[in-house]
Amino acid sequence: MQESDATVAELRERLRVAEEALQRMERLAVANRYAAAIMHEINNPLESLTNLMFLIKHGASDATTVMAYAELSEIQLVRMGELTRRTLSYYRDHTEPSDFDLIEIAESALKIHSHRLKRQSVEVCKRVPATARANVFPGAILQVLSNLILNSLDALPETGGVLNLRVKAYGGKIHILIADNGTGMEPSIYENLFKPHLTTKPKGNGLGLWLSRDIVQRHKGAIRCRSSRRPGRSGTMFKISLPARQTEDPPSDSGTLYLVQVQHGTA
């Protein structure tokens, strides 16, 4: 019996190590996509700085003009610093969850897929409060939201379609909804949604939703799904619920939401 118990314990440990390796691989894939998006965004202030330095060197003839150009350069440097700070905060080696704004993570997840959103002419509808803070591992939550957005894009047509992102705080939790008006799921897929190695994608490994649920549950949260294939009302919605950061003044359920519609995926 002792030998059997040891074998079970060893298998469980191997499974734990394998799961952690899979999560690291998924995070690296998201990190690569996010890095590409950030490099594209950093390029804009870099070009501005290059132009401003040229003007300071060759075109400025008085101290007042030089100072004005220098102030504009500082604004661009602050913008670049904010981008790098946000990126490092996602992928720093956190041993404990940290206080983070889930709105910022959701915006970053949209940024990862901005080129594809634009290519498919997806209309992005956002309804979010000014802030929604929770104690999370930001890189892991970014991985989950990026995966759900990618699934929605795969379900949407090659051109057109709507992606909805909603965030709301109530009941001591932050609720994040990602919904699309795509094709919806086959019953066989929907009924086994969070099982490993279940996929309809030719190059998929079927681990994305399985890992996503594991990440959410490790945050003491829950993830739910609804899907429909009815003509004219097809689509899929995922809802993630995470414990909100405990504060003396909990966020109000009303008066803090706004609606933004972004055409062609420019979030």
Protein backbone atom coordinates (compact mmCIF):
# COMPACT_ATOMS: atom_id res chain seq x y z
CA MET A 1 0.00 0.00 0.00
CA GLN A 2 2.82 2.39 0.83
CA GLU A 3 4.44 1.74 -2.57
CA SER A 4 1.11 2.44 -4.29
CA ASP A 5 0.70 5.69 -2.35
CA ALA A 6 4.22 6.73 -3.34
CA THR A 7 3.46 6.00 -7.00
CA VAL A 8 0.29 8.11 -6.88
CA ALA A 9 2.15 10.95 -5.18
CA GLU A 10 4.88 10.80 -7.83
CA LEU A 11 2.33 10.86 -10.65
CA ARG A 12 0.57 13.83 -9.07
CA GLU A 13 3.86 15.67 -8.80
CA ARG A 14 4.66 14.95 -12.45
CA LEU A 15 1.21 16.20 -13.44
CA ARG A 16 1.73 19.38 -11.43
CA VAL A 17 5.10 20.00 -13.09
CA ALA A 18 3.61 19.35 -16.54
CA GLU A 19 0.73 21.76 -15.89
CA GLU A 20 3.14 24.47 -14.74
CA ALA A 21 5.24 23.93 -17.87
CA LEU A 22 2.16 24.26 -20.08
CA GLN A 23 1.17 27.49 -18.34
CA ARG A 24 4.67 28.88 -18.81
CA MET A 25 4.54 28.03 -22.52
CA GLU A 26 1.16 29.73 -22.89
CA ARG A 27 2.40 32.81 -21.00
CA LEU A 28 5.46 32.99 -23.25
CA ALA A 29 3.25 32.85 -26.34
CA VAL A 30 1.11 35.70 -24.99
CA ALA A 31 4.24 37.61 -23.97
CA ASN A 32 5.60 37.36 -27.52
CA ARG A 33 2.38 38.70 -29.00
CA TYR A 34 2.19 41.47 -26.41
CA ALA A 35 5.82 42.45 -27.01
CA ALA A 36 5.12 42.80 -30.72
CA ALA A 37 2.13 45.05 -30.00
CA ILE A 38 4.13 47.17 -27.54
CA MET A 39 7.05 47.56 -29.95
CA HIS A 40 4.63 48.89 -32.53
CA GLU A 41 3.22 51.36 -29.98
CA ILE A 42 6.65 52.47 -28.77
CA ASN A 43 7.67 53.22 -32.34
CA ASN A 44 5.36 56.26 -32.43
CA PRO A 45 6.96 58.20 -29.54
CA LEU A 46 10.38 57.11 -30.80
CA GLU A 47 9.68 58.75 -34.16
CA SER A 48 8.44 61.87 -32.37
CA LEU A 49 11.61 62.01 -30.29
CA THR A 50 13.77 61.63 -33.39
CA ASN A 51 11.98 64.54 -35.06
CA LEU A 52 12.17 66.71 -31.96
CA MET A 53 15.89 66.05 -31.53
CA PHE A 54 16.45 67.03 -35.15
CA LEU A 55 14.54 70.28 -34.64
CA ILE A 56 16.45 71.08 -31.46
CA LYS A 57 19.75 70.43 -33.20
CA HIS A 58 19.08 72.13 -36.51
CA GLY A 59 15.97 74.26 -36.34
CA ALA A 60 15.82 75.93 -32.94
CA SER A 61 17.26 79.44 -32.85
CA ASP A 62 16.32 80.59 -29.34
CA ALA A 63 16.10 79.19 -25.83
CA THR A 64 12.29 79.44 -25.68
CA THR A 65 11.87 77.19 -28.74
CA VAL A 66 14.44 74.72 -27.45
CA MET A 67 12.60 74.55 -24.11
CA ALA A 68 9.28 73.92 -25.86
CA TYR A 69 10.78 71.08 -27.90
CA ALA A 70 12.41 69.66 -24.76
CA GLU A 71 9.07 69.65 -22.93
CA LEU A 72 7.46 67.79 -25.83
CA SER A 73 10.33 65.30 -25.75
CA GLU A 74 9.75 64.72 -22.05
CA ILE A 75 6.10 63.89 -22.71
CA GLN A 76 7.15 61.22 -25.20
CA LEU A 77 9.71 59.80 -22.76
CA VAL A 78 7.07 59.58 -20.02
CA ARG A 79 4.78 57.76 -22.44
CA MET A 80 7.51 55.24 -23.29
CA GLY A 81 8.32 54.77 -19.61
CA GLU A 82 4.67 53.99 -18.86
CA LEU A 83 4.57 51.39 -21.63
CA THR A 84 7.70 49.62 -20.38
CA ARG A 85 6.52 49.80 -16.74
CA ARG A 86 3.23 48.16 -17.66
CA THR A 87 4.98 45.44 -19.66
CA LEU A 88 7.42 44.64 -16.85
CA SER A 89 4.59 44.52 -14.31
CA TYR A 90 2.92 41.74 -16.29
CA TYR A 91 5.95 39.51 -16.60
CA ARG A 92 7.89 40.20 -13.42
CA ASP A 93 8.35 36.99 -11.40
CA HIS A 94 5.52 37.49 -8.89
CA THR A 95 5.41 35.16 -5.91
CA GLU A 96 2.20 36.74 -4.59
CA PRO A 97 -0.74 38.34 -6.39
CA SER A 98 -0.53 42.12 -6.64
CA ASP A 99 -3.09 44.91 -6.69
CA PHE A 100 -3.82 45.55 -10.37
CA ASP A 101 -6.43 47.28 -12.48
CA LEU A 102 -8.33 44.68 -14.51
CA ILE A 103 -9.40 47.38 -16.98
CA GLU A 104 -5.74 47.94 -17.85
CA ILE A 105 -5.23 44.19 -18.35
CA ALA A 106 -8.31 43.97 -20.59
CA GLU A 107 -7.10 46.91 -22.69
CA SER A 108 -3.72 45.20 -23.05
CA ALA A 109 -5.41 41.98 -24.18
CA LEU A 110 -7.22 43.95 -26.90
CA LYS A 111 -3.93 45.55 -27.87
CA ILE A 112 -2.37 42.12 -28.42
CA HIS A 113 -4.94 41.37 -31.10
CA SER A 114 -5.32 44.92 -32.49
CA HIS A 115 -3.98 44.03 -35.94
CA ARG A 116 -6.35 41.11 -36.36
CA LEU A 117 -9.28 43.15 -35.03
CA LYS A 118 -8.51 45.73 -37.68
CA ARG A 119 -7.97 43.14 -40.42
CA GLN A 120 -11.36 41.54 -39.74
CA SER A 121 -13.05 44.97 -39.35
CA VAL A 122 -14.37 43.90 -35.94
CA GLU A 123 -16.48 46.42 -34.05
CA VAL A 124 -15.29 46.47 -30.42
CA CYS A 125 -17.92 47.59 -27.90
CA LYS A 126 -16.55 48.32 -24.44
CA ARG A 127 -18.54 49.02 -21.31
CA VAL A 128 -16.25 49.39 -18.33
CA PRO A 129 -15.95 51.43 -15.12
CA ALA A 130 -13.12 53.89 -14.55
CA THR A 131 -11.23 51.25 -12.57
CA ALA A 132 -11.72 47.69 -11.31
CA ARG A 133 -8.93 46.58 -9.02
CA ALA A 134 -8.20 43.06 -7.80
CA ASN A 135 -5.29 41.12 -6.34
CA VAL A 136 -4.09 39.00 -9.27
CA PHE A 137 -1.10 37.67 -11.13
CA PRO A 138 -1.42 40.15 -14.02
CA GLY A 139 0.44 38.08 -16.62
CA ALA A 140 -1.80 35.08 -15.94
CA ILE A 141 -5.03 37.09 -16.22
CA LEU A 142 -3.71 38.70 -19.42
CA GLN A 143 -3.17 35.17 -20.75
CA VAL A 144 -6.81 34.25 -19.98
CA LEU A 145 -8.33 37.37 -21.56
CA SER A 146 -6.07 37.13 -24.60
CA ASN A 147 -7.14 33.51 -25.13
CA LEU A 148 -10.85 34.37 -24.89
CA ILE A 149 -10.50 37.25 -27.35
CA LEU A 150 -8.59 34.99 -29.74
CA ASN A 151 -11.38 32.39 -29.54
CA SER A 152 -13.93 35.09 -30.36
CA LEU A 153 -11.91 36.23 -33.36
CA ASP A 154 -11.76 32.66 -34.64
CA ALA A 155 -15.55 32.44 -34.35
CA LEU A 156 -16.21 35.75 -36.11
CA PRO A 157 -16.40 36.07 -39.91
CA GLU A 158 -13.41 37.12 -41.99
CA THR A 159 -14.86 40.62 -42.18
CA GLY A 160 -17.30 42.29 -39.83
CA GLY A 161 -18.65 41.04 -36.53
CA VAL A 162 -18.92 42.45 -33.02
CA LEU A 163 -16.81 41.83 -29.93
CA ASN A 164 -18.22 43.01 -26.60
CA LEU A 165 -16.09 43.64 -23.51
CA ARG A 166 -17.90 44.51 -20.29
CA VAL A 167 -16.55 44.88 -16.77
CA LYS A 168 -18.68 45.44 -13.69
CA ALA A 169 -18.13 45.30 -9.93
CA TYR A 170 -20.86 43.90 -7.70
CA GLY A 171 -21.28 41.39 -4.93
CA GLY A 172 -17.66 41.77 -3.85
CA LYS A 173 -16.44 40.55 -7.25
CA ILE A 174 -15.22 41.92 -10.56
CA HIS A 175 -17.11 40.42 -13.48
CA ILE A 176 -15.53 40.45 -16.94
CA LEU A 177 -17.68 39.51 -19.93
CA ILE A 178 -16.29 38.81 -23.39
CA ALA A 179 -18.97 38.10 -25.99
CA ASP A 180 -19.14 37.79 -29.76
CA ASN A 181 -21.81 37.33 -32.40
CA GLY A 182 -19.92 34.55 -34.12
CA THR A 183 -20.99 31.09 -35.12
CA GLY A 184 -21.52 29.71 -31.63
CA MET A 185 -20.45 26.25 -30.46
CA GLU A 186 -21.52 22.79 -31.48
CA PRO A 187 -23.26 20.98 -28.57
CA SER A 188 -20.47 18.37 -28.42
CA ILE A 189 -17.90 21.15 -27.92
CA TYR A 190 -20.01 23.15 -25.48
CA GLU A 191 -20.73 20.17 -23.22
CA ASN A 192 -17.01 19.33 -22.88
CA LEU A 193 -15.72 22.88 -23.07
CA PHE A 194 -13.07 22.89 -20.34
CA LYS A 195 -11.68 19.42 -20.93
CA PRO A 196 -8.06 19.24 -22.16
CA HIS A 197 -7.19 18.52 -25.80
CA LEU A 198 -10.64 19.55 -27.05
CA THR A 199 -10.31 21.83 -30.07
CA THR A 200 -11.87 22.64 -33.43
CA LYS A 201 -8.77 24.48 -34.69
CA PRO A 202 -6.47 22.69 -37.17
CA LYS A 203 -3.35 23.81 -35.30
CA GLY A 204 -4.85 24.06 -31.82
CA ASN A 205 -3.78 21.95 -28.84
CA GLY A 206 -7.09 22.18 -26.99
CA LEU A 207 -5.45 23.46 -23.79
CA GLY A 208 -6.35 27.15 -23.84
CA LEU A 209 -9.69 27.00 -22.01
CA TRP A 210 -8.52 24.21 -19.72
CA LEU A 211 -5.57 26.34 -18.60
CA SER A 212 -7.74 29.45 -18.43
CA ARG A 213 -10.16 27.79 -16.02
CA ASP A 214 -7.26 26.57 -13.89
CA ILE A 215 -5.82 30.11 -13.71
CA VAL A 216 -9.18 31.63 -12.77
CA GLN A 217 -9.82 28.99 -10.10
CA ARG A 218 -6.37 29.58 -8.61
CA HIS A 219 -7.44 33.20 -8.21
CA LYS A 220 -10.48 31.90 -6.26
CA GLY A 221 -12.69 32.93 -9.16
CA ALA A 222 -15.04 31.28 -11.63
CA ILE A 223 -15.46 31.18 -15.40
CA ARG A 224 -18.75 30.43 -17.15
CA CYS A 225 -19.86 30.21 -20.76
CA ARG A 226 -23.07 30.52 -22.77
CA SER A 227 -23.28 29.82 -26.49
CA SER A 228 -25.98 29.80 -29.14
CA ARG A 229 -26.13 28.71 -32.78
CA ARG A 230 -29.64 30.05 -33.45
CA PRO A 231 -29.84 31.93 -36.76
CA GLY A 232 -29.68 35.67 -36.17
CA ARG A 233 -28.83 35.19 -32.48
CA SER A 234 -25.68 33.12 -32.62
CA GLY A 235 -22.64 33.86 -30.51
CA THR A 236 -20.68 32.98 -27.40
CA MET A 237 -20.20 34.74 -24.08
CA PHE A 238 -17.61 34.02 -21.39
CA LYS A 239 -17.96 35.51 -17.93
CA ILE A 240 -15.03 35.62 -15.50
CA SER A 241 -15.69 36.50 -11.86
CA LEU A 242 -12.76 37.40 -9.61
CA PRO A 243 -12.70 38.60 -5.99
CA ALA A 244 -12.51 42.38 -5.94
CA ARG A 245 -9.83 44.14 -3.94
CA GLN A 246 -11.17 44.81 -0.47
CA THR A 247 -11.49 48.53 0.23
CA GLU A 248 -13.23 50.65 2.80
CA ASP A 249 -15.42 52.09 0.04
CA PRO A 250 -16.53 49.33 -2.35
CA PRO A 251 -17.13 50.40 -5.95
CA SER A 252 -20.67 51.42 -6.79
CA ASP A 253 -22.72 49.35 -9.21
CA SER A 254 -24.22 52.40 -10.84
CA GLY A 255 -23.09 55.63 -12.38
CA THR A 256 -19.58 54.50 -13.29
CA LEU A 257 -20.08 52.77 -16.62
CA TYR A 258 -19.62 54.24 -20.06
CA LEU A 259 -20.03 52.81 -23.53
CA VAL A 260 -17.41 53.15 -26.23
CA GLN A 261 -17.79 51.76 -29.73
CA VAL A 262 -14.58 51.41 -31.67
CA GLN A 263 -14.73 50.74 -35.39
CA HIS A 264 -12.25 48.44 -37.13
CA GLY A 265 -10.72 47.14 -33.93
CA THR A 266 -8.71 50.20 -32.86
CA ALA A 267 -9.06 49.87 -29.10
